[in-house]
Amino acid sequence: AHYHASSEIWAYDLKARKLLFRSQGKGLSSVFVSDAETPLLYSLSLQE
């Protein structure tokens, strides 16, 4: 079921090895984030 849609987007700090925040989503199939200081994140939903 690894390709089934997700319901949240989790932010994780790779340096501190720490889960930072859990944000709600709906029917998430893909995510993409920019590399900017104030990041923009995009999600796709096949369901929606």
ModelCIF file with pLDDT and N, C-alpha, C, O atoms, coordinates in Angstrom:
data_MODEL
#
_entry.id   MODEL 
#
_entity.id                         1 
_entity.type                       polymer 
_entity.pdbx_number_of_molecules   1 
#
_entity_poly.entity_id                      1 
_entity_poly.type                           'polypeptide(L)' 
_entity_poly.nstd_linkage                   no 
_entity_poly.nstd_monomer                   no 
_entity_poly.pdbx_seq_one_letter_code       AHYHASSEIWAYDLKARKLLFRSQGKGLSSVFVSDAETPLLYSLSLQE 
_entity_poly.pdbx_seq_one_letter_code_can   AHYHASSEIWAYDLKARKLLFRSQGKGLSSVFVSDAETPLLYSLSLQE 
_entity_poly.pdbx_strand_id                 A 
#
loop_
_entity_poly_seq.entity_id 
_entity_poly_seq.num 
_entity_poly_seq.mon_id 
_entity_poly_seq.hetero 
1 1  ALA n 
1 2  HIS n 
1 3  TYR n 
1 4  HIS n 
1 5  ALA n 
1 6  SER n 
1 7  SER n 
1 8  GLU n 
1 9  ILE n 
1 10 TRP n 
1 11 ALA n 
1 12 TYR n 
1 13 ASP n 
1 14 LEU n 
1 15 LYS n 
1 16 ALA n 
1 17 ARG n 
1 18 LYS n 
1 19 LEU n 
1 20 LEU n 
1 21 PHE n 
1 22 ARG n 
1 23 SER n 
1 24 GLN n 
1 25 GLY n 
1 26 LYS n 
1 27 GLY n 
1 28 LEU n 
1 29 SER n 
1 30 SER n 
1 31 VAL n 
1 32 PHE n 
1 33 VAL n 
1 34 SER n 
1 35 ASP n 
1 36 ALA n 
1 37 GLU n 
1 38 THR n 
1 39 PRO n 
1 40 LEU n 
1 41 LEU n 
1 42 TYR n 
1 43 SER n 
1 44 LEU n 
1 45 SER n 
1 46 LEU n 
1 47 GLN n 
1 48 GLU n 
#
_struct_asym.id          A 
_struct_asym.entity_id   1 
#
loop_
_ma_qa_metric.id 
_ma_qa_metric.mode 
_ma_qa_metric.name 
_ma_qa_metric.software_group_id 
_ma_qa_metric.type 
1 global pLDDT . pLDDT 
2 local  pLDDT . pLDDT 
#
_ma_qa_metric_global.metric_id      1 
_ma_qa_metric_global.metric_value   96.15 
_ma_qa_metric_global.model_id       1 
_ma_qa_metric_global.ordinal_id     1 
#
loop_
_ma_qa_metric_local.label_asym_id 
_ma_qa_metric_local.label_comp_id 
_ma_qa_metric_local.label_seq_id 
_ma_qa_metric_local.metric_id 
_ma_qa_metric_local.metric_value 
_ma_qa_metric_local.model_id 
_ma_qa_metric_local.ordinal_id 
A ALA 1  2 87.00 1 1  
A HIS 2  2 92.00 1 2  
A TYR 3  2 91.00 1 3  
A HIS 4  2 94.00 1 4  
A ALA 5  2 95.00 1 5  
A SER 6  2 96.00 1 6  
A SER 7  2 97.00 1 7  
A GLU 8  2 98.00 1 8  
A ILE 9  2 98.00 1 9  
A TRP 10 2 98.00 1 10 
A ALA 11 2 98.00 1 11 
A TYR 12 2 98.00 1 12 
A ASP 13 2 98.00 1 13 
A LEU 14 2 97.00 1 14 
A LYS 15 2 96.00 1 15 
A ALA 16 2 96.00 1 16 
A ARG 17 2 96.00 1 17 
A LYS 18 2 96.00 1 18 
A LEU 19 2 97.00 1 19 
A LEU 20 2 98.00 1 20 
A PHE 21 2 98.00 1 21 
A ARG 22 2 98.00 1 22 
A SER 23 2 98.00 1 23 
A GLN 24 2 97.00 1 24 
A GLY 25 2 96.00 1 25 
A LYS 26 2 94.00 1 26 
A GLY 27 2 96.00 1 27 
A LEU 28 2 97.00 1 28 
A SER 29 2 96.00 1 29 
A SER 30 2 97.00 1 30 
A VAL 31 2 98.00 1 31 
A PHE 32 2 98.00 1 32 
A VAL 33 2 98.00 1 33 
A SER 34 2 96.00 1 34 
A ASP 35 2 95.00 1 35 
A ALA 36 2 94.00 1 36 
A GLU 37 2 95.00 1 37 
A THR 38 2 94.00 1 38 
A PRO 39 2 97.00 1 39 
A LEU 40 2 97.00 1 40 
A LEU 41 2 98.00 1 41 
A TYR 42 2 98.00 1 42 
A SER 43 2 98.00 1 43 
A LEU 44 2 98.00 1 44 
A SER 45 2 97.00 1 45 
A LEU 46 2 94.00 1 46 
A GLN 47 2 92.00 1 47 
A GLU 48 2 95.00 1 48 
#
loop_
_atom_site.group_PDB 
_atom_site.id 
_atom_site.type_symbol 
_atom_site.label_atom_id 
_atom_site.label_alt_id 
_atom_site.label_comp_id 
_atom_site.label_asym_id 
_atom_site.label_entity_id 
_atom_site.label_seq_id 
_atom_site.pdbx_PDB_ins_code 
_atom_site.Cartn_x 
_atom_site.Cartn_y 
_atom_site.Cartn_z 
_atom_site.occupancy 
_atom_site.B_iso_or_equiv 
_atom_site.pdbx_formal_charge 
_atom_site.auth_seq_id 
_atom_site.auth_comp_id 
_atom_site.auth_asym_id 
_atom_site.auth_atom_id 
_atom_site.pdbx_PDB_model_num 
ATOM 1   N N  . ALA A 1 1  ? 0.825  -1.214 0.000  1.00 87.00 ? 1  ALA A N  1 
ATOM 2   C CA . ALA A 1 1  ? 0.000  0.000  0.000  1.00 87.00 ? 1  ALA A CA 1 
ATOM 3   C C  . ALA A 1 1  ? 0.860  1.264  0.000  1.00 87.00 ? 1  ALA A C  1 
ATOM 4   O O  . ALA A 1 1  ? 0.370  2.347  0.319  1.00 87.00 ? 1  ALA A O  1 
ATOM 5   N N  . HIS A 1 2  ? 2.140  1.130  -0.357 1.00 92.00 ? 2  HIS A N  1 
ATOM 6   C CA . HIS A 1 2  ? 3.045  2.278  -0.272 1.00 92.00 ? 2  HIS A CA 1 
ATOM 7   C C  . HIS A 1 2  ? 2.694  3.381  -1.263 1.00 92.00 ? 2  HIS A C  1 
ATOM 8   O O  . HIS A 1 2  ? 3.117  4.521  -1.071 1.00 92.00 ? 2  HIS A O  1 
ATOM 9   N N  . TYR A 1 3  ? 1.931  3.079  -2.324 1.00 91.00 ? 3  TYR A N  1 
ATOM 10  C CA . TYR A 1 3  ? 1.518  4.116  -3.264 1.00 91.00 ? 3  TYR A CA 1 
ATOM 11  C C  . TYR A 1 3  ? 0.158  4.715  -2.919 1.00 91.00 ? 3  TYR A C  1 
ATOM 12  O O  . TYR A 1 3  ? -0.316 5.611  -3.617 1.00 91.00 ? 3  TYR A O  1 
ATOM 13  N N  . HIS A 1 4  ? -0.470 4.235  -1.860 1.00 94.00 ? 4  HIS A N  1 
ATOM 14  C CA . HIS A 1 4  ? -1.750 4.814  -1.455 1.00 94.00 ? 4  HIS A CA 1 
ATOM 15  C C  . HIS A 1 4  ? -1.545 6.247  -0.965 1.00 94.00 ? 4  HIS A C  1 
ATOM 16  O O  . HIS A 1 4  ? -0.476 6.604  -0.470 1.00 94.00 ? 4  HIS A O  1 
ATOM 17  N N  . ALA A 1 5  ? -2.586 7.052  -1.112 1.00 95.00 ? 5  ALA A N  1 
ATOM 18  C CA . ALA A 1 5  ? -2.482 8.477  -0.793 1.00 95.00 ? 5  ALA A CA 1 
ATOM 19  C C  . ALA A 1 5  ? -2.244 8.723  0.693  1.00 95.00 ? 5  ALA A C  1 
ATOM 20  O O  . ALA A 1 5  ? -2.679 7.949  1.546  1.00 95.00 ? 5  ALA A O  1 
ATOM 21  N N  . SER A 1 6  ? -1.546 9.811  0.981  1.00 96.00 ? 6  SER A N  1 
ATOM 22  C CA . SER A 1 6  ? -1.257 10.217 2.354  1.00 96.00 ? 6  SER A CA 1 
ATOM 23  C C  . SER A 1 6  ? -2.224 11.302 2.820  1.00 96.00 ? 6  SER A C  1 
ATOM 24  O O  . SER A 1 6  ? -2.930 11.920 2.023  1.00 96.00 ? 6  SER A O  1 
ATOM 25  N N  . SER A 1 7  ? -2.234 11.514 4.139  1.00 97.00 ? 7  SER A N  1 
ATOM 26  C CA . SER A 1 7  ? -3.153 12.496 4.719  1.00 97.00 ? 7  SER A CA 1 
ATOM 27  C C  . SER A 1 7  ? -2.444 13.617 5.477  1.00 97.00 ? 7  SER A C  1 
ATOM 28  O O  . SER A 1 7  ? -3.089 14.568 5.917  1.00 97.00 ? 7  SER A O  1 
ATOM 29  N N  . GLU A 1 8  ? -1.117 13.512 5.635  1.00 98.00 ? 8  GLU A N  1 
ATOM 30  C CA . GLU A 1 8  ? -0.366 14.559 6.330  1.00 98.00 ? 8  GLU A CA 1 
ATOM 31  C C  . GLU A 1 8  ? 0.981  14.758 5.642  1.00 98.00 ? 8  GLU A C  1 
ATOM 32  O O  . GLU A 1 8  ? 1.457  13.888 4.913  1.00 98.00 ? 8  GLU A O  1 
ATOM 33  N N  . ILE A 1 9  ? 1.587  15.922 5.888  1.00 98.00 ? 9  ILE A N  1 
ATOM 34  C CA . ILE A 1 9  ? 2.957  16.204 5.447  1.00 98.00 ? 9  ILE A CA 1 
ATOM 35  C C  . ILE A 1 9  ? 3.777  16.520 6.691  1.00 98.00 ? 9  ILE A C  1 
ATOM 36  O O  . ILE A 1 9  ? 3.475  17.464 7.421  1.00 98.00 ? 9  ILE A O  1 
ATOM 37  N N  . TRP A 1 10 ? 4.830  15.714 6.929  1.00 98.00 ? 10 TRP A N  1 
ATOM 38  C CA . TRP A 1 10 ? 5.663  15.870 8.117  1.00 98.00 ? 10 TRP A CA 1 
ATOM 39  C C  . TRP A 1 10 ? 6.965  16.577 7.747  1.00 98.00 ? 10 TRP A C  1 
ATOM 40  O O  . TRP A 1 10 ? 7.583  16.261 6.731  1.00 98.00 ? 10 TRP A O  1 
ATOM 41  N N  . ALA A 1 11 ? 7.376  17.531 8.575  1.00 98.00 ? 11 ALA A N  1 
ATOM 42  C CA . ALA A 1 11 ? 8.636  18.243 8.398  1.00 98.00 ? 11 ALA A CA 1 
ATOM 43  C C  . ALA A 1 11 ? 9.658  17.667 9.372  1.00 98.00 ? 11 ALA A C  1 
ATOM 44  O O  . ALA A 1 11 ? 9.389  17.553 10.568 1.00 98.00 ? 11 ALA A O  1 
ATOM 45  N N  . TYR A 1 12 ? 10.836 17.302 8.856  1.00 98.00 ? 12 TYR A N  1 
ATOM 46  C CA . TYR A 1 12 ? 11.863 16.630 9.658  1.00 98.00 ? 12 TYR A CA 1 
ATOM 47  C C  . TYR A 1 12 ? 13.200 17.325 9.446  1.00 98.00 ? 12 TYR A C  1 
ATOM 48  O O  . TYR A 1 12 ? 13.612 17.540 8.306  1.00 98.00 ? 12 TYR A O  1 
ATOM 49  N N  . ASP A 1 13 ? 13.872 17.674 10.519 1.00 98.00 ? 13 ASP A N  1 
ATOM 50  C CA . ASP A 1 13 ? 15.177 18.349 10.485 1.00 98.00 ? 13 ASP A CA 1 
ATOM 51  C C  . ASP A 1 13 ? 16.272 17.304 10.336 1.00 98.00 ? 13 ASP A C  1 
ATOM 52  O O  . ASP A 1 13 ? 16.493 16.497 11.239 1.00 98.00 ? 13 ASP A O  1 
ATOM 53  N N  . LEU A 1 14 ? 16.969 17.317 9.177  1.00 97.00 ? 14 LEU A N  1 
ATOM 54  C CA . LEU A 1 14 ? 17.990 16.304 8.913  1.00 97.00 ? 14 LEU A CA 1 
ATOM 55  C C  . LEU A 1 14 ? 19.213 16.458 9.808  1.00 97.00 ? 14 LEU A C  1 
ATOM 56  O O  . LEU A 1 14 ? 19.873 15.465 10.114 1.00 97.00 ? 14 LEU A O  1 
ATOM 57  N N  . LYS A 1 15 ? 19.532 17.673 10.233 1.00 96.00 ? 15 LYS A N  1 
ATOM 58  C CA . LYS A 1 15 ? 20.697 17.898 11.091 1.00 96.00 ? 15 LYS A CA 1 
ATOM 59  C C  . LYS A 1 15 ? 20.396 17.539 12.549 1.00 96.00 ? 15 LYS A C  1 
ATOM 60  O O  . LYS A 1 15 ? 21.170 16.844 13.207 1.00 96.00 ? 15 LYS A O  1 
ATOM 61  N N  . ALA A 1 16 ? 19.271 18.024 13.029 1.00 96.00 ? 16 ALA A N  1 
ATOM 62  C CA . ALA A 1 16 ? 18.923 17.797 14.434 1.00 96.00 ? 16 ALA A CA 1 
ATOM 63  C C  . ALA A 1 16 ? 18.275 16.433 14.665 1.00 96.00 ? 16 ALA A C  1 
ATOM 64  O O  . ALA A 1 16 ? 18.077 16.019 15.807 1.00 96.00 ? 16 ALA A O  1 
ATOM 65  N N  . ARG A 1 17 ? 17.940 15.723 13.548 1.00 96.00 ? 17 ARG A N  1 
ATOM 66  C CA . ARG A 1 17 ? 17.244 14.428 13.649 1.00 96.00 ? 17 ARG A CA 1 
ATOM 67  C C  . ARG A 1 17 ? 15.976 14.565 14.494 1.00 96.00 ? 17 ARG A C  1 
ATOM 68  O O  . ARG A 1 17 ? 15.770 13.840 15.467 1.00 96.00 ? 17 ARG A O  1 
ATOM 69  N N  . LYS A 1 18 ? 15.141 15.514 14.091 1.00 96.00 ? 18 LYS A N  1 
ATOM 70  C CA . LYS A 1 18 ? 13.981 15.844 14.909 1.00 96.00 ? 18 LYS A CA 1 
ATOM 71  C C  . LYS A 1 18 ? 12.756 16.080 14.027 1.00 96.00 ? 18 LYS A C  1 
ATOM 72  O O  . LYS A 1 18 ? 12.827 16.786 13.022 1.00 96.00 ? 18 LYS A O  1 
ATOM 73  N N  . LEU A 1 19 ? 11.636 15.479 14.418 1.00 97.00 ? 19 LEU A N  1 
ATOM 74  C CA . LEU A 1 19 ? 10.359 15.764 13.771 1.00 97.00 ? 19 LEU A CA 1 
ATOM 75  C C  . LEU A 1 19 ? 9.889  17.133 14.227 1.00 97.00 ? 19 LEU A C  1 
ATOM 76  O O  . LEU A 1 19 ? 9.747  17.376 15.425 1.00 97.00 ? 19 LEU A O  1 
ATOM 77  N N  . LEU A 1 20 ? 9.644  18.042 13.263 1.00 98.00 ? 20 LEU A N  1 
ATOM 78  C CA . LEU A 1 20 ? 9.317  19.419 13.595 1.00 98.00 ? 20 LEU A CA 1 
ATOM 79  C C  . LEU A 1 20 ? 7.816  19.681 13.650 1.00 98.00 ? 20 LEU A C  1 
ATOM 80  O O  . LEU A 1 20 ? 7.320  20.279 14.605 1.00 98.00 ? 20 LEU A O  1 
ATOM 81  N N  . PHE A 1 21 ? 7.094  19.230 12.621 1.00 98.00 ? 21 PHE A N  1 
ATOM 82  C CA . PHE A 1 21 ? 5.678  19.577 12.556 1.00 98.00 ? 21 PHE A CA 1 
ATOM 83  C C  . PHE A 1 21 ? 4.939  18.604 11.648 1.00 98.00 ? 21 PHE A C  1 
ATOM 84  O O  . PHE A 1 21 ? 5.512  18.060 10.704 1.00 98.00 ? 21 PHE A O  1 
ATOM 85  N N  . ARG A 1 22 ? 3.655  18.392 11.946 1.00 98.00 ? 22 ARG A N  1 
ATOM 86  C CA . ARG A 1 22 ? 2.770  17.565 11.124 1.00 98.00 ? 22 ARG A CA 1 
ATOM 87  C C  . ARG A 1 22 ? 1.639  18.440 10.594 1.00 98.00 ? 22 ARG A C  1 
ATOM 88  O O  . ARG A 1 22 ? 0.809  18.922 11.364 1.00 98.00 ? 22 ARG A O  1 
ATOM 89  N N  . SER A 1 23 ? 1.606  18.643 9.285  1.00 98.00 ? 23 SER A N  1 
ATOM 90  C CA . SER A 1 23 ? 0.569  19.466 8.655  1.00 98.00 ? 23 SER A CA 1 
ATOM 91  C C  . SER A 1 23 ? -0.452 18.579 7.960  1.00 98.00 ? 23 SER A C  1 
ATOM 92  O O  . SER A 1 23 ? -0.114 17.534 7.404  1.00 98.00 ? 23 SER A O  1 
ATOM 93  N N  . GLN A 1 24 ? -1.692 19.009 8.002  1.00 97.00 ? 24 GLN A N  1 
ATOM 94  C CA . GLN A 1 24 ? -2.771 18.242 7.394  1.00 97.00 ? 24 GLN A CA 1 
ATOM 95  C C  . GLN A 1 24 ? -2.780 18.398 5.871  1.00 97.00 ? 24 GLN A C  1 
ATOM 96  O O  . GLN A 1 24 ? -2.457 19.460 5.338  1.00 97.00 ? 24 GLN A O  1 
ATOM 97  N N  . GLY A 1 25 ? -3.156 17.317 5.185  1.00 96.00 ? 25 GLY A N  1 
ATOM 98  C CA . GLY A 1 25 ? -3.355 17.328 3.744  1.00 96.00 ? 25 GLY A CA 1 
ATOM 99  C C  . GLY A 1 25 ? -4.534 16.446 3.408  1.00 96.00 ? 25 GLY A C  1 
ATOM 100 O O  . GLY A 1 25 ? -5.259 15.999 4.296  1.00 96.00 ? 25 GLY A O  1 
ATOM 101 N N  . LYS A 1 26 ? -4.729 16.194 2.119  1.00 94.00 ? 26 LYS A N  1 
ATOM 102 C CA . LYS A 1 26 ? -5.843 15.338 1.717  1.00 94.00 ? 26 LYS A CA 1 
ATOM 103 C C  . LYS A 1 26 ? -5.492 14.626 0.415  1.00 94.00 ? 26 LYS A C  1 
ATOM 104 O O  . LYS A 1 26 ? -5.213 15.266 -0.599 1.00 94.00 ? 26 LYS A O  1 
ATOM 105 N N  . GLY A 1 27 ? -5.508 13.302 0.453  1.00 96.00 ? 27 GLY A N  1 
ATOM 106 C CA . GLY A 1 27 ? -5.287 12.521 -0.752 1.00 96.00 ? 27 GLY A CA 1 
ATOM 107 C C  . GLY A 1 27 ? -3.952 12.786 -1.411 1.00 96.00 ? 27 GLY A C  1 
ATOM 108 O O  . GLY A 1 27 ? -3.879 12.836 -2.639 1.00 96.00 ? 27 GLY A O  1 
ATOM 109 N N  . LEU A 1 28 ? -2.890 12.959 -0.635 1.00 97.00 ? 28 LEU A N  1 
ATOM 110 C CA . LEU A 1 28 ? -1.592 13.380 -1.156 1.00 97.00 ? 28 LEU A CA 1 
ATOM 111 C C  . LEU A 1 28 ? -0.896 12.242 -1.907 1.00 97.00 ? 28 LEU A C  1 
ATOM 112 O O  . LEU A 1 28 ? -0.747 11.138 -1.383 1.00 97.00 ? 28 LEU A O  1 
ATOM 113 N N  . SER A 1 29 ? -0.470 12.529 -3.147 1.00 96.00 ? 29 SER A N  1 
ATOM 114 C CA . SER A 1 29 ? 0.267  11.527 -3.916 1.00 96.00 ? 29 SER A CA 1 
ATOM 115 C C  . SER A 1 29 ? 1.706  11.941 -4.196 1.00 96.00 ? 29 SER A C  1 
ATOM 116 O O  . SER A 1 29 ? 2.560  11.078 -4.403 1.00 96.00 ? 29 SER A O  1 
ATOM 117 N N  . SER A 1 30 ? 1.996  13.247 -4.208 1.00 97.00 ? 30 SER A N  1 
ATOM 118 C CA . SER A 1 30 ? 3.350  13.728 -4.477 1.00 97.00 ? 30 SER A CA 1 
ATOM 119 C C  . SER A 1 30 ? 3.550  15.080 -3.806 1.00 97.00 ? 30 SER A C  1 
ATOM 120 O O  . SER A 1 30 ? 2.605  15.850 -3.631 1.00 97.00 ? 30 SER A O  1 
ATOM 121 N N  . VAL A 1 31 ? 4.819  15.359 -3.427 1.00 98.00 ? 31 VAL A N  1 
ATOM 122 C CA . VAL A 1 31 ? 5.161  16.657 -2.846 1.00 98.00 ? 31 VAL A CA 1 
ATOM 123 C C  . VAL A 1 31 ? 6.460  17.161 -3.466 1.00 98.00 ? 31 VAL A C  1 
ATOM 124 O O  . VAL A 1 31 ? 7.300  16.373 -3.902 1.00 98.00 ? 31 VAL A O  1 
ATOM 125 N N  . PHE A 1 32 ? 6.613  18.478 -3.499 1.00 98.00 ? 32 PHE A N  1 
ATOM 126 C CA . PHE A 1 32 ? 7.826  19.111 -4.018 1.00 98.00 ? 32 PHE A CA 1 
ATOM 127 C C  . PHE A 1 32 ? 8.010  20.431 -3.294 1.00 98.00 ? 32 PHE A C  1 
ATOM 128 O O  . PHE A 1 32 ? 7.059  21.202 -3.162 1.00 98.00 ? 32 PHE A O  1 
ATOM 129 N N  . VAL A 1 33 ? 9.240  20.708 -2.814 1.00 98.00 ? 33 VAL A N  1 
ATOM 130 C CA . VAL A 1 33 ? 9.503  21.949 -2.098 1.00 98.00 ? 33 VAL A CA 1 
ATOM 131 C C  . VAL A 1 33 ? 10.617 22.716 -2.797 1.00 98.00 ? 33 VAL A C  1 
ATOM 132 O O  . VAL A 1 33 ? 11.545 22.118 -3.342 1.00 98.00 ? 33 VAL A O  1 
ATOM 133 N N  . SER A 1 34 ? 10.520 24.046 -2.780 1.00 96.00 ? 34 SER A N  1 
ATOM 134 C CA . SER A 1 34 ? 11.586 24.883 -3.317 1.00 96.00 ? 34 SER A CA 1 
ATOM 135 C C  . SER A 1 34 ? 12.749 24.909 -2.327 1.00 96.00 ? 34 SER A C  1 
ATOM 136 O O  . SER A 1 34 ? 12.620 24.473 -1.183 1.00 96.00 ? 34 SER A O  1 
ATOM 137 N N  . ASP A 1 35 ? 13.888 25.430 -2.789 1.00 95.00 ? 35 ASP A N  1 
ATOM 138 C CA . ASP A 1 35 ? 15.073 25.503 -1.929 1.00 95.00 ? 35 ASP A CA 1 
ATOM 139 C C  . ASP A 1 35 ? 15.256 26.869 -1.287 1.00 95.00 ? 35 ASP A C  1 
ATOM 140 O O  . ASP A 1 35 ? 16.329 27.159 -0.756 1.00 95.00 ? 35 ASP A O  1 
ATOM 141 N N  . ALA A 1 36 ? 14.235 27.710 -1.325 1.00 94.00 ? 36 ALA A N  1 
ATOM 142 C CA . ALA A 1 36 ? 14.333 29.077 -0.826 1.00 94.00 ? 36 ALA A CA 1 
ATOM 143 C C  . ALA A 1 36 ? 14.363 29.134 0.696  1.00 94.00 ? 36 ALA A C  1 
ATOM 144 O O  . ALA A 1 36 ? 14.039 28.158 1.372  1.00 94.00 ? 36 ALA A O  1 
ATOM 145 N N  . GLU A 1 37 ? 14.760 30.298 1.228  1.00 95.00 ? 37 GLU A N  1 
ATOM 146 C CA . GLU A 1 37 ? 14.768 30.512 2.669  1.00 95.00 ? 37 GLU A CA 1 
ATOM 147 C C  . GLU A 1 37 ? 13.360 30.427 3.254  1.00 95.00 ? 37 GLU A C  1 
ATOM 148 O O  . GLU A 1 37 ? 13.158 29.882 4.339  1.00 95.00 ? 37 GLU A O  1 
ATOM 149 N N  . THR A 1 38 ? 12.401 30.969 2.526  1.00 94.00 ? 38 THR A N  1 
ATOM 150 C CA . THR A 1 38 ? 10.992 30.769 2.888  1.00 94.00 ? 38 THR A CA 1 
ATOM 151 C C  . THR A 1 38 ? 10.417 29.815 1.860  1.00 94.00 ? 38 THR A C  1 
ATOM 152 O O  . THR A 1 38 ? 10.001 30.243 0.783  1.00 94.00 ? 38 THR A O  1 
ATOM 153 N N  . PRO A 1 39 ? 10.388 28.536 2.175  1.00 97.00 ? 39 PRO A N  1 
ATOM 154 C CA . PRO A 1 39 ? 10.078 27.532 1.156  1.00 97.00 ? 39 PRO A CA 1 
ATOM 155 C C  . PRO A 1 39 ? 8.612  27.566 0.718  1.00 97.00 ? 39 PRO A C  1 
ATOM 156 O O  . PRO A 1 39 ? 7.705  27.823 1.510  1.00 97.00 ? 39 PRO A O  1 
ATOM 157 N N  . LEU A 1 40 ? 8.422  27.298 -0.563 1.00 97.00 ? 40 LEU A N  1 
ATOM 158 C CA . LEU A 1 40 ? 7.094  27.025 -1.103 1.00 97.00 ? 40 LEU A CA 1 
ATOM 159 C C  . LEU A 1 40 ? 7.004  25.528 -1.353 1.00 97.00 ? 40 LEU A C  1 
ATOM 160 O O  . LEU A 1 40 ? 7.891  24.936 -1.967 1.00 97.00 ? 40 LEU A O  1 
ATOM 161 N N  . LEU A 1 41 ? 5.936  24.927 -0.876 1.00 98.00 ? 41 LEU A N  1 
ATOM 162 C CA . LEU A 1 41 ? 5.740  23.488 -1.056 1.00 98.00 ? 41 LEU A CA 1 
ATOM 163 C C  . LEU A 1 41 ? 4.479  23.244 -1.865 1.00 98.00 ? 41 LEU A C  1 
ATOM 164 O O  . LEU A 1 41 ? 3.448  23.879 -1.646 1.00 98.00 ? 41 LEU A O  1 
ATOM 165 N N  . TYR A 1 42 ? 4.577  22.315 -2.802 1.00 98.00 ? 42 TYR A N  1 
ATOM 166 C CA . TYR A 1 42 ? 3.463  21.966 -3.685 1.00 98.00 ? 42 TYR A CA 1 
ATOM 167 C C  . TYR A 1 42 ? 3.101  20.502 -3.459 1.00 98.00 ? 42 TYR A C  1 
ATOM 168 O O  . TYR A 1 42 ? 3.975  19.654 -3.276 1.00 98.00 ? 42 TYR A O  1 
ATOM 169 N N  . SER A 1 43 ? 1.807  20.223 -3.474 1.00 98.00 ? 43 SER A N  1 
ATOM 170 C CA . SER A 1 43 ? 1.370  18.836 -3.365 1.00 98.00 ? 43 SER A CA 1 
ATOM 171 C C  . SER A 1 43 ? 0.400  18.519 -4.498 1.00 98.00 ? 43 SER A C  1 
ATOM 172 O O  . SER A 1 43 ? -0.333 19.387 -4.971 1.00 98.00 ? 43 SER A O  1 
ATOM 173 N N  . LEU A 1 44 ? 0.411  17.258 -4.922 1.00 98.00 ? 44 LEU A N  1 
ATOM 174 C CA . LEU A 1 44 ? -0.544 16.764 -5.907 1.00 98.00 ? 44 LEU A CA 1 
ATOM 175 C C  . LEU A 1 44 ? -1.434 15.731 -5.255 1.00 98.00 ? 44 LEU A C  1 
ATOM 176 O O  . LEU A 1 44 ? -1.000 14.977 -4.384 1.00 98.00 ? 44 LEU A O  1 
ATOM 177 N N  . SER A 1 45 ? -2.674 15.702 -5.681 1.00 97.00 ? 45 SER A N  1 
ATOM 178 C CA . SER A 1 45 ? -3.608 14.680 -5.224 1.00 97.00 ? 45 SER A CA 1 
ATOM 179 C C  . SER A 1 45 ? -4.314 14.075 -6.427 1.00 97.00 ? 45 SER A C  1 
ATOM 180 O O  . SER A 1 45 ? -5.047 14.763 -7.138 1.00 97.00 ? 45 SER A O  1 
ATOM 181 N N  . LEU A 1 46 ? -4.091 12.784 -6.650 1.00 94.00 ? 46 LEU A N  1 
ATOM 182 C CA . LEU A 1 46 ? -4.825 12.093 -7.702 1.00 94.00 ? 46 LEU A CA 1 
ATOM 183 C C  . LEU A 1 46 ? -6.300 11.985 -7.333 1.00 94.00 ? 46 LEU A C  1 
ATOM 184 O O  . LEU A 1 46 ? -7.172 12.089 -8.196 1.00 94.00 ? 46 LEU A O  1 
ATOM 185 N N  . GLN A 1 47 ? -6.573 11.777 -6.055 1.00 92.00 ? 47 GLN A N  1 
ATOM 186 C CA . GLN A 1 47 ? -7.958 11.644 -5.602 1.00 92.00 ? 47 GLN A CA 1 
ATOM 187 C C  . GLN A 1 47 ? -8.746 12.926 -5.818 1.00 92.00 ? 47 GLN A C  1 
ATOM 188 O O  . GLN A 1 47 ? -9.892 12.886 -6.266 1.00 92.00 ? 47 GLN A O  1 
ATOM 189 N N  . GLU A 1 48 ? -8.138 14.054 -5.504 1.00 95.00 ? 48 GLU A N  1 
ATOM 190 C CA . GLU A 1 48 ? -8.827 15.340 -5.573 1.00 95.00 ? 48 GLU A CA 1 
ATOM 191 C C  . GLU A 1 48 ? -8.625 16.039 -6.912 1.00 95.00 ? 48 GLU A C  1 
ATOM 192 O O  . GLU A 1 48 ? -9.145 17.134 -7.122 1.00 95.00 ? 48 GLU A O  1 
#
